[in-house]
Full PDB file with SEQRES, HELIX, SHEET, SSBOND, CRYST1, ORIGX, SCALE, CONECT and MASTER records, all heavy atoms in Angstrom:
SEQRES   1 A   41  VAL LYS ASN GLY SER GLN SER SER LEU ALA VAL ASP GLY          
SEQRES   2 A   41  PRO LYS GLY PRO ILE TYR GLU VAL LYS PRO GLY VAL VAL          
SEQRES   3 A   41  GLU LEU ALA ARG ARG THR GLY GLN PRO ILE VAL PRO LEU          
SEQRES   4 A   41  ARG THR                                                      
HELIX    1 AA1 GLY A   24  THR A   32  1                                   9    
CRYST1    1.000    1.000    1.000  90.00  90.00  90.00 P 1           1          
ORIGX1      1.000000  0.000000  0.000000        0.00000                         
ORIGX2      0.000000  1.000000  0.000000        0.00000                         
ORIGX3      0.000000  0.000000  1.000000        0.00000                         
SCALE1      1.000000  0.000000  0.000000        0.00000                         
SCALE2      0.000000  1.000000  0.000000        0.00000                         
SCALE3      0.000000  0.000000  1.000000        0.00000                         
ATOM      1  N   VAL A   1       1.340  -0.593   8.652  1.00  0.00           N  
ATOM      2  CA  VAL A   1       1.512  -2.059   8.441  1.00  0.00           C  
ATOM      3  C   VAL A   1       0.861  -2.490   7.130  1.00  0.00           C  
ATOM      4  O   VAL A   1       1.359  -3.341   6.437  1.00  0.00           O  
ATOM      5  CB  VAL A   1       0.862  -2.784   9.684  1.00  0.00           C  
ATOM      6  CG1 VAL A   1       0.826  -4.304   9.415  1.00  0.00           C  
ATOM      7  CG2 VAL A   1       1.569  -2.508  10.955  1.00  0.00           C  
ATOM      8  N   LYS A   2      -0.294  -1.907   6.807  1.00  0.00           N  
ATOM      9  CA  LYS A   2      -0.908  -2.196   5.491  1.00  0.00           C  
ATOM     10  C   LYS A   2       0.040  -1.854   4.328  1.00  0.00           C  
ATOM     11  O   LYS A   2      -0.047  -2.455   3.251  1.00  0.00           O  
ATOM     12  CB  LYS A   2      -2.200  -1.449   5.379  1.00  0.00           C  
ATOM     13  CG  LYS A   2      -3.354  -2.120   6.163  1.00  0.00           C  
ATOM     14  CD  LYS A   2      -4.682  -1.408   5.843  1.00  0.00           C  
ATOM     15  CE  LYS A   2      -5.842  -2.113   6.473  1.00  0.00           C  
ATOM     16  NZ  LYS A   2      -7.152  -1.545   6.194  1.00  0.00           N  
ATOM     17  N   ASN A   3       0.928  -0.862   4.523  1.00  0.00           N  
ATOM     18  CA  ASN A   3       1.874  -0.505   3.478  1.00  0.00           C  
ATOM     19  C   ASN A   3       3.147  -1.306   3.532  1.00  0.00           C  
ATOM     20  O   ASN A   3       4.109  -0.964   2.799  1.00  0.00           O  
ATOM     21  CB  ASN A   3       2.225   1.038   3.608  1.00  0.00           C  
ATOM     22  CG  ASN A   3       1.081   1.920   3.156  1.00  0.00           C  
ATOM     23  OD1 ASN A   3       0.278   1.520   2.315  1.00  0.00           O  
ATOM     24  ND2 ASN A   3       0.969   3.118   3.718  1.00  0.00           N  
ATOM     25  N   GLY A   4       3.168  -2.382   4.382  1.00  0.00           N  
ATOM     26  CA  GLY A   4       4.290  -3.277   4.358  1.00  0.00           C  
ATOM     27  C   GLY A   4       5.274  -3.132   5.461  1.00  0.00           C  
ATOM     28  O   GLY A   4       6.247  -3.821   5.523  1.00  0.00           O  
ATOM     29  N   SER A   5       5.038  -2.244   6.403  1.00  0.00           N  
ATOM     30  CA  SER A   5       5.934  -2.062   7.583  1.00  0.00           C  
ATOM     31  C   SER A   5       5.646  -3.093   8.684  1.00  0.00           C  
ATOM     32  O   SER A   5       4.568  -3.687   8.776  1.00  0.00           O  
ATOM     33  CB  SER A   5       5.820  -0.666   8.170  1.00  0.00           C  
ATOM     34  OG  SER A   5       6.173   0.300   7.272  1.00  0.00           O  
ATOM     35  N   GLN A   6       6.620  -3.347   9.588  1.00  0.00           N  
ATOM     36  CA  GLN A   6       6.360  -4.008  10.805  1.00  0.00           C  
ATOM     37  C   GLN A   6       6.052  -2.997  11.881  1.00  0.00           C  
ATOM     38  O   GLN A   6       6.421  -1.817  11.811  1.00  0.00           O  
ATOM     39  CB  GLN A   6       7.617  -4.799  11.205  1.00  0.00           C  
ATOM     40  CG  GLN A   6       7.935  -5.967  10.239  1.00  0.00           C  
ATOM     41  CD  GLN A   6       9.083  -6.804  10.737  1.00  0.00           C  
ATOM     42  OE1 GLN A   6       9.958  -6.368  11.468  1.00  0.00           O  
ATOM     43  NE2 GLN A   6       9.101  -8.106  10.366  1.00  0.00           N  
ATOM     44  N   SER A   7       5.312  -3.428  12.843  1.00  0.00           N  
ATOM     45  CA  SER A   7       4.983  -2.580  14.008  1.00  0.00           C  
ATOM     46  C   SER A   7       5.288  -3.265  15.265  1.00  0.00           C  
ATOM     47  O   SER A   7       5.507  -4.485  15.355  1.00  0.00           O  
ATOM     48  CB  SER A   7       3.459  -2.213  13.959  1.00  0.00           C  
ATOM     49  OG  SER A   7       3.147  -1.326  15.027  1.00  0.00           O  
ATOM     50  N   SER A   8       5.310  -2.509  16.390  1.00  0.00           N  
ATOM     51  CA  SER A   8       5.621  -3.093  17.707  1.00  0.00           C  
ATOM     52  C   SER A   8       4.831  -2.325  18.768  1.00  0.00           C  
ATOM     53  O   SER A   8       4.737  -1.112  18.706  1.00  0.00           O  
ATOM     54  CB  SER A   8       7.148  -2.968  17.972  1.00  0.00           C  
ATOM     55  OG  SER A   8       7.460  -3.544  19.228  1.00  0.00           O  
ATOM     56  N   LEU A   9       4.331  -3.114  19.729  1.00  0.00           N  
ATOM     57  CA  LEU A   9       3.517  -2.506  20.801  1.00  0.00           C  
ATOM     58  C   LEU A   9       3.934  -3.112  22.118  1.00  0.00           C  
ATOM     59  O   LEU A   9       4.078  -4.326  22.238  1.00  0.00           O  
ATOM     60  CB  LEU A   9       2.001  -2.778  20.579  1.00  0.00           C  
ATOM     61  CG  LEU A   9       1.294  -1.953  19.505  1.00  0.00           C  
ATOM     62  CD1 LEU A   9      -0.194  -2.442  19.406  1.00  0.00           C  
ATOM     63  CD2 LEU A   9       1.330  -0.461  19.870  1.00  0.00           C  
ATOM     64  N   ALA A  10       4.086  -2.182  23.133  1.00  0.00           N  
ATOM     65  CA  ALA A  10       4.217  -2.704  24.496  1.00  0.00           C  
ATOM     66  C   ALA A  10       2.831  -2.996  25.016  1.00  0.00           C  
ATOM     67  O   ALA A  10       2.050  -2.104  25.288  1.00  0.00           O  
ATOM     68  CB  ALA A  10       4.894  -1.632  25.377  1.00  0.00           C  
ATOM     69  N   VAL A  11       2.477  -4.253  25.115  1.00  0.00           N  
ATOM     70  CA  VAL A  11       1.060  -4.605  25.236  1.00  0.00           C  
ATOM     71  C   VAL A  11       0.553  -4.403  26.663  1.00  0.00           C  
ATOM     72  O   VAL A  11      -0.688  -4.482  26.864  1.00  0.00           O  
ATOM     73  CB  VAL A  11       0.831  -6.075  24.835  1.00  0.00           C  
ATOM     74  CG1 VAL A  11       0.999  -6.233  23.354  1.00  0.00           C  
ATOM     75  CG2 VAL A  11       1.804  -7.058  25.572  1.00  0.00           C  
ATOM     76  N   ASP A  12       1.395  -4.119  27.644  1.00  0.00           N  
ATOM     77  CA  ASP A  12       0.904  -3.709  29.005  1.00  0.00           C  
ATOM     78  C   ASP A  12       1.120  -2.268  29.292  1.00  0.00           C  
ATOM     79  O   ASP A  12       1.045  -1.803  30.396  1.00  0.00           O  
ATOM     80  CB  ASP A  12       1.567  -4.539  30.069  1.00  0.00           C  
ATOM     81  CG  ASP A  12       3.054  -4.507  30.095  1.00  0.00           C  
ATOM     82  OD1 ASP A  12       3.686  -3.986  29.103  1.00  0.00           O  
ATOM     83  OD2 ASP A  12       3.685  -4.973  31.037  1.00  0.00           O  
ATOM     84  N   GLY A  13       1.375  -1.489  28.221  1.00  0.00           N  
ATOM     85  CA  GLY A  13       1.619  -0.028  28.476  1.00  0.00           C  
ATOM     86  C   GLY A  13       0.357   0.735  28.148  1.00  0.00           C  
ATOM     87  O   GLY A  13      -0.647   0.165  27.747  1.00  0.00           O  
ATOM     88  N   PRO A  14       0.366   2.072  28.324  1.00  0.00           N  
ATOM     89  CA  PRO A  14       1.532   2.798  28.791  1.00  0.00           C  
ATOM     90  C   PRO A  14       1.710   2.873  30.325  1.00  0.00           C  
ATOM     91  O   PRO A  14       2.758   3.311  30.800  1.00  0.00           O  
ATOM     92  CB  PRO A  14       1.334   4.198  28.226  1.00  0.00           C  
ATOM     93  CG  PRO A  14      -0.203   4.299  28.280  1.00  0.00           C  
ATOM     94  CD  PRO A  14      -0.717   2.984  27.947  1.00  0.00           C  
ATOM     95  N   LYS A  15       0.683   2.508  31.077  1.00  0.00           N  
ATOM     96  CA  LYS A  15       0.751   2.694  32.542  1.00  0.00           C  
ATOM     97  C   LYS A  15       0.390   1.385  33.313  1.00  0.00           C  
ATOM     98  O   LYS A  15       0.165   1.416  34.502  1.00  0.00           O  
ATOM     99  CB  LYS A  15      -0.184   3.823  32.953  1.00  0.00           C  
ATOM    100  CG  LYS A  15       0.209   5.174  32.417  1.00  0.00           C  
ATOM    101  CD  LYS A  15      -0.782   6.231  32.865  1.00  0.00           C  
ATOM    102  CE  LYS A  15      -0.406   7.615  32.283  1.00  0.00           C  
ATOM    103  NZ  LYS A  15      -1.306   8.635  32.717  1.00  0.00           N  
ATOM    104  N   GLY A  16       0.355   0.252  32.688  1.00  0.00           N  
ATOM    105  CA  GLY A  16       0.081  -0.972  33.300  1.00  0.00           C  
ATOM    106  C   GLY A  16      -1.398  -1.237  33.399  1.00  0.00           C  
ATOM    107  O   GLY A  16      -2.223  -0.603  32.685  1.00  0.00           O  
ATOM    108  N   PRO A  17      -1.858  -2.203  34.207  1.00  0.00           N  
ATOM    109  CA  PRO A  17      -1.045  -3.014  35.109  1.00  0.00           C  
ATOM    110  C   PRO A  17       0.038  -3.863  34.350  1.00  0.00           C  
ATOM    111  O   PRO A  17      -0.214  -4.261  33.259  1.00  0.00           O  
ATOM    112  CB  PRO A  17      -2.054  -3.925  35.793  1.00  0.00           C  
ATOM    113  CG  PRO A  17      -3.365  -3.258  35.577  1.00  0.00           C  
ATOM    114  CD  PRO A  17      -3.299  -2.534  34.283  1.00  0.00           C  
ATOM    115  N   ILE A  18       1.105  -4.159  34.984  1.00  0.00           N  
ATOM    116  CA  ILE A  18       2.187  -4.891  34.376  1.00  0.00           C  
ATOM    117  C   ILE A  18       1.714  -6.296  34.038  1.00  0.00           C  
ATOM    118  O   ILE A  18       0.938  -6.881  34.777  1.00  0.00           O  
ATOM    119  CB  ILE A  18       3.403  -4.904  35.334  1.00  0.00           C  
ATOM    120  CG1 ILE A  18       4.638  -5.431  34.602  1.00  0.00           C  
ATOM    121  CG2 ILE A  18       3.151  -5.714  36.598  1.00  0.00           C  
ATOM    122  CD1 ILE A  18       5.935  -5.300  35.408  1.00  0.00           C  
ATOM    123  N   TYR A  19       2.149  -6.817  32.938  1.00  0.00           N  
ATOM    124  CA  TYR A  19       1.850  -8.178  32.430  1.00  0.00           C  
ATOM    125  C   TYR A  19       0.394  -8.410  32.187  1.00  0.00           C  
ATOM    126  O   TYR A  19      -0.085  -9.530  32.287  1.00  0.00           O  
ATOM    127  CB  TYR A  19       2.475  -9.208  33.386  1.00  0.00           C  
ATOM    128  CG  TYR A  19       3.921  -9.045  33.657  1.00  0.00           C  
ATOM    129  CD1 TYR A  19       4.441  -9.249  34.937  1.00  0.00           C  
ATOM    130  CD2 TYR A  19       4.849  -8.655  32.646  1.00  0.00           C  
ATOM    131  CE1 TYR A  19       5.823  -9.090  35.220  1.00  0.00           C  
ATOM    132  CE2 TYR A  19       6.161  -8.483  32.898  1.00  0.00           C  
ATOM    133  CZ  TYR A  19       6.646  -8.714  34.195  1.00  0.00           C  
ATOM    134  OH  TYR A  19       8.017  -8.541  34.414  1.00  0.00           O  
ATOM    135  N   GLU A  20      -0.335  -7.336  31.846  1.00  0.00           N  
ATOM    136  CA  GLU A  20      -1.722  -7.481  31.487  1.00  0.00           C  
ATOM    137  C   GLU A  20      -1.903  -6.986  30.026  1.00  0.00           C  
ATOM    138  O   GLU A  20      -1.617  -5.779  29.737  1.00  0.00           O  
ATOM    139  CB  GLU A  20      -2.663  -6.676  32.365  1.00  0.00           C  
ATOM    140  CG  GLU A  20      -4.172  -6.797  32.024  1.00  0.00           C  
ATOM    141  CD  GLU A  20      -5.021  -6.012  32.973  1.00  0.00           C  
ATOM    142  OE1 GLU A  20      -4.917  -6.284  34.198  1.00  0.00           O  
ATOM    143  OE2 GLU A  20      -5.719  -5.048  32.524  1.00  0.00           O  
ATOM    144  N   VAL A  21      -2.239  -7.884  29.106  1.00  0.00           N  
ATOM    145  CA  VAL A  21      -2.296  -7.492  27.650  1.00  0.00           C  
ATOM    146  C   VAL A  21      -3.516  -6.639  27.387  1.00  0.00           C  
ATOM    147  O   VAL A  21      -4.659  -7.075  27.701  1.00  0.00           O  
ATOM    148  CB  VAL A  21      -2.297  -8.788  26.788  1.00  0.00           C  
ATOM    149  CG1 VAL A  21      -2.391  -8.400  25.321  1.00  0.00           C  
ATOM    150  CG2 VAL A  21      -1.073  -9.609  27.051  1.00  0.00           C  
ATOM    151  N   LYS A  22      -3.291  -5.483  26.796  1.00  0.00           N  
ATOM    152  CA  LYS A  22      -4.376  -4.581  26.437  1.00  0.00           C  
ATOM    153  C   LYS A  22      -4.870  -4.946  25.012  1.00  0.00           C  
ATOM    154  O   LYS A  22      -4.099  -5.461  24.206  1.00  0.00           O  
ATOM    155  CB  LYS A  22      -3.907  -3.121  26.441  1.00  0.00           C  
ATOM    156  CG  LYS A  22      -3.277  -2.675  27.772  1.00  0.00           C  
ATOM    157  CD  LYS A  22      -4.274  -2.622  28.876  1.00  0.00           C  
ATOM    158  CE  LYS A  22      -3.640  -2.167  30.140  1.00  0.00           C  
ATOM    159  NZ  LYS A  22      -3.057  -0.839  30.064  1.00  0.00           N  
ATOM    160  N   PRO A  23      -6.121  -4.633  24.649  1.00  0.00           N  
ATOM    161  CA  PRO A  23      -6.694  -5.079  23.410  1.00  0.00           C  
ATOM    162  C   PRO A  23      -6.196  -4.426  22.151  1.00  0.00           C  
ATOM    163  O   PRO A  23      -6.520  -4.802  21.058  1.00  0.00           O  
ATOM    164  CB  PRO A  23      -8.196  -4.915  23.650  1.00  0.00           C  
ATOM    165  CG  PRO A  23      -8.300  -3.801  24.625  1.00  0.00           C  
ATOM    166  CD  PRO A  23      -7.191  -4.019  25.537  1.00  0.00           C  
ATOM    167  N   GLY A  24      -5.446  -3.246  22.296  1.00  0.00           N  
ATOM    168  CA  GLY A  24      -5.061  -2.540  21.097  1.00  0.00           C  
ATOM    169  C   GLY A  24      -4.314  -3.388  20.162  1.00  0.00           C  
ATOM    170  O   GLY A  24      -4.441  -3.242  18.914  1.00  0.00           O  
ATOM    171  N   VAL A  25      -3.433  -4.284  20.629  1.00  0.00           N  
ATOM    172  CA  VAL A  25      -2.650  -5.108  19.683  1.00  0.00           C  
ATOM    173  C   VAL A  25      -3.496  -6.016  18.885  1.00  0.00           C  
ATOM    174  O   VAL A  25      -3.246  -6.341  17.726  1.00  0.00           O  
ATOM    175  CB  VAL A  25      -1.517  -5.847  20.553  1.00  0.00           C  
ATOM    176  CG1 VAL A  25      -2.195  -6.904  21.416  1.00  0.00           C  
ATOM    177  CG2 VAL A  25      -0.574  -6.553  19.560  1.00  0.00           C  
ATOM    178  N   VAL A  26      -4.591  -6.466  19.541  1.00  0.00           N  
ATOM    179  CA  VAL A  26      -5.513  -7.374  18.793  1.00  0.00           C  
ATOM    180  C   VAL A  26      -6.248  -6.639  17.688  1.00  0.00           C  
ATOM    181  O   VAL A  26      -6.374  -7.113  16.570  1.00  0.00           O  
ATOM    182  CB  VAL A  26      -6.549  -8.038  19.809  1.00  0.00           C  
ATOM    183  CG1 VAL A  26      -7.524  -8.878  19.022  1.00  0.00           C  
ATOM    184  CG2 VAL A  26      -5.837  -8.734  20.858  1.00  0.00           C  
ATOM    185  N   GLU A  27      -6.681  -5.419  17.983  1.00  0.00           N  
ATOM    186  CA  GLU A  27      -7.304  -4.545  16.950  1.00  0.00           C  
ATOM    187  C   GLU A  27      -6.391  -4.307  15.801  1.00  0.00           C  
ATOM    188  O   GLU A  27      -6.850  -4.337  14.646  1.00  0.00           O  
ATOM    189  CB  GLU A  27      -7.841  -3.265  17.609  1.00  0.00           C  
ATOM    190  CG  GLU A  27      -8.605  -2.399  16.685  1.00  0.00           C  
ATOM    191  CD  GLU A  27      -9.924  -2.920  16.186  1.00  0.00           C  
ATOM    192  OE1 GLU A  27     -10.393  -3.900  16.824  1.00  0.00           O  
ATOM    193  OE2 GLU A  27     -10.522  -2.382  15.262  1.00  0.00           O  
ATOM    194  N   LEU A  28      -5.097  -4.014  16.136  1.00  0.00           N  
ATOM    195  CA  LEU A  28      -4.127  -3.732  15.062  1.00  0.00           C  
ATOM    196  C   LEU A  28      -3.984  -4.895  14.199  1.00  0.00           C  
ATOM    197  O   LEU A  28      -3.948  -4.824  12.951  1.00  0.00           O  
ATOM    198  CB  LEU A  28      -2.851  -3.312  15.691  1.00  0.00           C  
ATOM    199  CG  LEU A  28      -1.666  -3.040  14.731  1.00  0.00           C  
ATOM    200  CD1 LEU A  28      -2.014  -1.927  13.704  1.00  0.00           C  
ATOM    201  CD2 LEU A  28      -0.446  -2.590  15.555  1.00  0.00           C  
ATOM    202  N   ALA A  29      -3.859  -6.108  14.780  1.00  0.00           N  
ATOM    203  CA  ALA A  29      -3.678  -7.311  13.965  1.00  0.00           C  
ATOM    204  C   ALA A  29      -4.928  -7.646  13.139  1.00  0.00           C  
ATOM    205  O   ALA A  29      -4.798  -8.048  11.951  1.00  0.00           O  
ATOM    206  CB  ALA A  29      -3.365  -8.458  14.943  1.00  0.00           C  
ATOM    207  N   ARG A  30      -6.081  -7.411  13.673  1.00  0.00           N  
ATOM    208  CA  ARG A  30      -7.331  -7.664  12.962  1.00  0.00           C  
ATOM    209  C   ARG A  30      -7.444  -6.725  11.766  1.00  0.00           C  
ATOM    210  O   ARG A  30      -7.799  -7.175  10.669  1.00  0.00           O  
ATOM    211  CB  ARG A  30      -8.571  -7.482  13.895  1.00  0.00           C  
ATOM    212  CG  ARG A  30      -8.828  -8.579  14.878  1.00  0.00           C  
ATOM    213  CD  ARG A  30      -9.940  -8.118  15.759  1.00  0.00           C  
ATOM    214  NE  ARG A  30     -10.472  -9.183  16.613  1.00  0.00           N  
ATOM    215  CZ  ARG A  30     -11.370  -8.980  17.586  1.00  0.00           C  
ATOM    216  NH1 ARG A  30     -11.740  -7.694  17.851  1.00  0.00           N  
ATOM    217  NH2 ARG A  30     -11.835  -9.998  18.248  1.00  0.00           N  
ATOM    218  N   ARG A  31      -7.197  -5.464  11.963  1.00  0.00           N  
ATOM    219  CA  ARG A  31      -7.409  -4.466  10.956  1.00  0.00           C  
ATOM    220  C   ARG A  31      -6.398  -4.533   9.812  1.00  0.00           C  
ATOM    221  O   ARG A  31      -6.648  -4.056   8.702  1.00  0.00           O  
ATOM    222  CB  ARG A  31      -7.384  -3.006  11.569  1.00  0.00           C  
ATOM    223  CG  ARG A  31      -8.474  -2.753  12.560  1.00  0.00           C  
ATOM    224  CD  ARG A  31      -9.754  -2.355  11.956  1.00  0.00           C  
ATOM    225  NE  ARG A  31      -9.654  -1.088  11.301  1.00  0.00           N  
ATOM    226  CZ  ARG A  31      -9.802   0.100  11.828  1.00  0.00           C  
ATOM    227  NH1 ARG A  31     -10.104   0.168  13.125  1.00  0.00           N  
ATOM    228  NH2 ARG A  31      -9.684   1.159  11.158  1.00  0.00           N  
ATOM    229  N   THR A  32      -5.249  -5.151  10.071  1.00  0.00           N  
ATOM    230  CA  THR A  32      -4.198  -5.283   9.076  1.00  0.00           C  
ATOM    231  C   THR A  32      -4.141  -6.651   8.478  1.00  0.00           C  
ATOM    232  O   THR A  32      -3.500  -6.823   7.438  1.00  0.00           O  
ATOM    233  CB  THR A  32      -2.831  -4.879   9.619  1.00  0.00           C  
ATOM    234  OG1 THR A  32      -2.534  -5.808  10.740  1.00  0.00           O  
ATOM    235  CG2 THR A  32      -2.780  -3.465  10.119  1.00  0.00           C  
ATOM    236  N   GLY A  33      -4.696  -7.657   9.192  1.00  0.00           N  
ATOM    237  CA  GLY A  33      -4.615  -9.018   8.722  1.00  0.00           C  
ATOM    238  C   GLY A  33      -3.227  -9.675   8.906  1.00  0.00           C  
ATOM    239  O   GLY A  33      -2.961 -10.738   8.341  1.00  0.00           O  
ATOM    240  N   GLN A  34      -2.377  -9.053   9.727  1.00  0.00           N  
ATOM    241  CA  GLN A  34      -1.064  -9.559   9.938  1.00  0.00           C  
ATOM    242  C   GLN A  34      -0.950 -10.227  11.344  1.00  0.00           C  
ATOM    243  O   GLN A  34      -1.646  -9.867  12.280  1.00  0.00           O  
ATOM    244  CB  GLN A  34       0.000  -8.412   9.834  1.00  0.00           C  
ATOM    245  CG  GLN A  34       0.037  -7.708   8.498  1.00  0.00           C  
ATOM    246  CD  GLN A  34       0.336  -8.679   7.356  1.00  0.00           C  
ATOM    247  OE1 GLN A  34       0.957  -9.728   7.524  1.00  0.00           O  
ATOM    248  NE2 GLN A  34      -0.083  -8.305   6.144  1.00  0.00           N  
ATOM    249  N   PRO A  35      -0.051 -11.179  11.457  1.00  0.00           N  
ATOM    250  CA  PRO A  35       0.079 -11.899  12.698  1.00  0.00           C  
ATOM    251  C   PRO A  35       0.704 -11.112  13.824  1.00  0.00           C  
ATOM    252  O   PRO A  35       1.463 -10.207  13.597  1.00  0.00           O  
ATOM    253  CB  PRO A  35       0.905 -13.126  12.352  1.00  0.00           C  
ATOM    254  CG  PRO A  35       1.827 -12.666  11.236  1.00  0.00           C  
ATOM    255  CD  PRO A  35       0.909 -11.675  10.481  1.00  0.00           C  
ATOM    256  N   ILE A  36       0.502 -11.555  15.038  1.00  0.00           N  
ATOM    257  CA  ILE A  36       1.094 -11.038  16.268  1.00  0.00           C  
ATOM    258  C   ILE A  36       2.264 -11.947  16.610  1.00  0.00           C  
ATOM    259  O   ILE A  36       2.104 -13.179  16.727  1.00  0.00           O  
ATOM    260  CB  ILE A  36       0.107 -10.956  17.430  1.00  0.00           C  
ATOM    261  CG1 ILE A  36      -1.074 -10.056  17.054  1.00  0.00           C  
ATOM    262  CG2 ILE A  36       0.777 -10.508  18.732  1.00  0.00           C  
ATOM    263  CD1 ILE A  36      -2.300 -10.252  18.011  1.00  0.00           C  
ATOM    264  N   VAL A  37       3.469 -11.393  16.806  1.00  0.00           N  
ATOM    265  CA  VAL A  37       4.653 -12.179  17.091  1.00  0.00           C  
ATOM    266  C   VAL A  37       5.067 -11.735  18.487  1.00  0.00           C  
ATOM    267  O   VAL A  37       5.612 -10.649  18.652  1.00  0.00           O  
ATOM    268  CB  VAL A  37       5.767 -11.945  16.071  1.00  0.00           C  
ATOM    269  CG1 VAL A  37       7.009 -12.753  16.465  1.00  0.00           C  
ATOM    270  CG2 VAL A  37       5.285 -12.361  14.664  1.00  0.00           C  
ATOM    271  N   PRO A  38       4.970 -12.629  19.510  1.00  0.00           N  
ATOM    272  CA  PRO A  38       5.409 -12.257  20.843  1.00  0.00           C  
ATOM    273  C   PRO A  38       6.897 -12.370  21.008  1.00  0.00           C  
ATOM    274  O   PRO A  38       7.516 -13.272  20.319  1.00  0.00           O  
ATOM    275  CB  PRO A  38       4.679 -13.387  21.738  1.00  0.00           C  
ATOM    276  CG  PRO A  38       4.478 -14.465  20.814  1.00  0.00           C  
ATOM    277  CD  PRO A  38       4.292 -13.951  19.445  1.00  0.00           C  
ATOM    278  N   LEU A  39       7.474 -11.540  21.806  1.00  0.00           N  
ATOM    279  CA  LEU A  39       8.939 -11.663  22.089  1.00  0.00           C  
ATOM    280  C   LEU A  39       9.293 -11.061  23.463  1.00  0.00           C  
ATOM    281  O   LEU A  39       8.617 -10.227  23.987  1.00  0.00           O  
ATOM    282  CB  LEU A  39       9.785 -10.871  21.013  1.00  0.00           C  
ATOM    283  CG  LEU A  39       9.751  -9.321  21.021  1.00  0.00           C  
ATOM    284  CD1 LEU A  39      11.002  -8.822  20.395  1.00  0.00           C  
ATOM    285  CD2 LEU A  39       8.534  -8.761  20.292  1.00  0.00           C  
ATOM    286  N   ARG A  40      10.375 -11.512  23.980  1.00  0.00           N  
ATOM    287  CA  ARG A  40      10.911 -11.031  25.250  1.00  0.00           C  
ATOM    288  C   ARG A  40      12.397 -10.949  25.160  1.00  0.00           C  
ATOM    289  O   ARG A  40      13.037 -11.531  24.299  1.00  0.00           O  
ATOM    290  CB  ARG A  40      10.532 -12.003  26.410  1.00  0.00           C  
ATOM    291  CG  ARG A  40       9.013 -11.997  26.702  1.00  0.00           C  
ATOM    292  CD  ARG A  40       8.649 -12.754  27.958  1.00  0.00           C  
ATOM    293  NE  ARG A  40       9.009 -11.977  29.086  1.00  0.00           N  
ATOM    294  CZ  ARG A  40       8.723 -12.359  30.318  1.00  0.00           C  
ATOM    295  NH1 ARG A  40       8.170 -13.557  30.572  1.00  0.00           N  
ATOM    296  NH2 ARG A  40       9.005 -11.636  31.399  1.00  0.00           N  
ATOM    297  N   THR A  41      13.021 -10.234  26.107  1.00  0.00           N  
ATOM    298  CA  THR A  41      14.443 -10.040  26.084  1.00  0.00           C  
ATOM    299  C   THR A  41      15.029 -10.364  27.533  1.00  0.00           C  
ATOM    300  O   THR A  41      14.298 -10.339  28.501  1.00  0.00           O  
ATOM    301  CB  THR A  41      14.843  -8.583  25.783  1.00  0.00           C  
ATOM    302  OG1 THR A  41      14.484  -7.729  26.850  1.00  0.00           O  
ATOM    303  CG2 THR A  41      14.139  -8.131  24.514  1.00  0.00           C  
TER     304      THR A  41                                                      
MASTER        0    0    0    1    0    0    0    6  303    1    0    4          
END                                                                             
């Protein structure tokens, strides 16, 4: 991400509980200074 890529995380993975956001995505956003963009399908 620091080199300009986008990244994606399943925030309740890899084993759940379902619909519970894990802190890894927050750490990634903090360390790179890039925003978190939520999405669903």
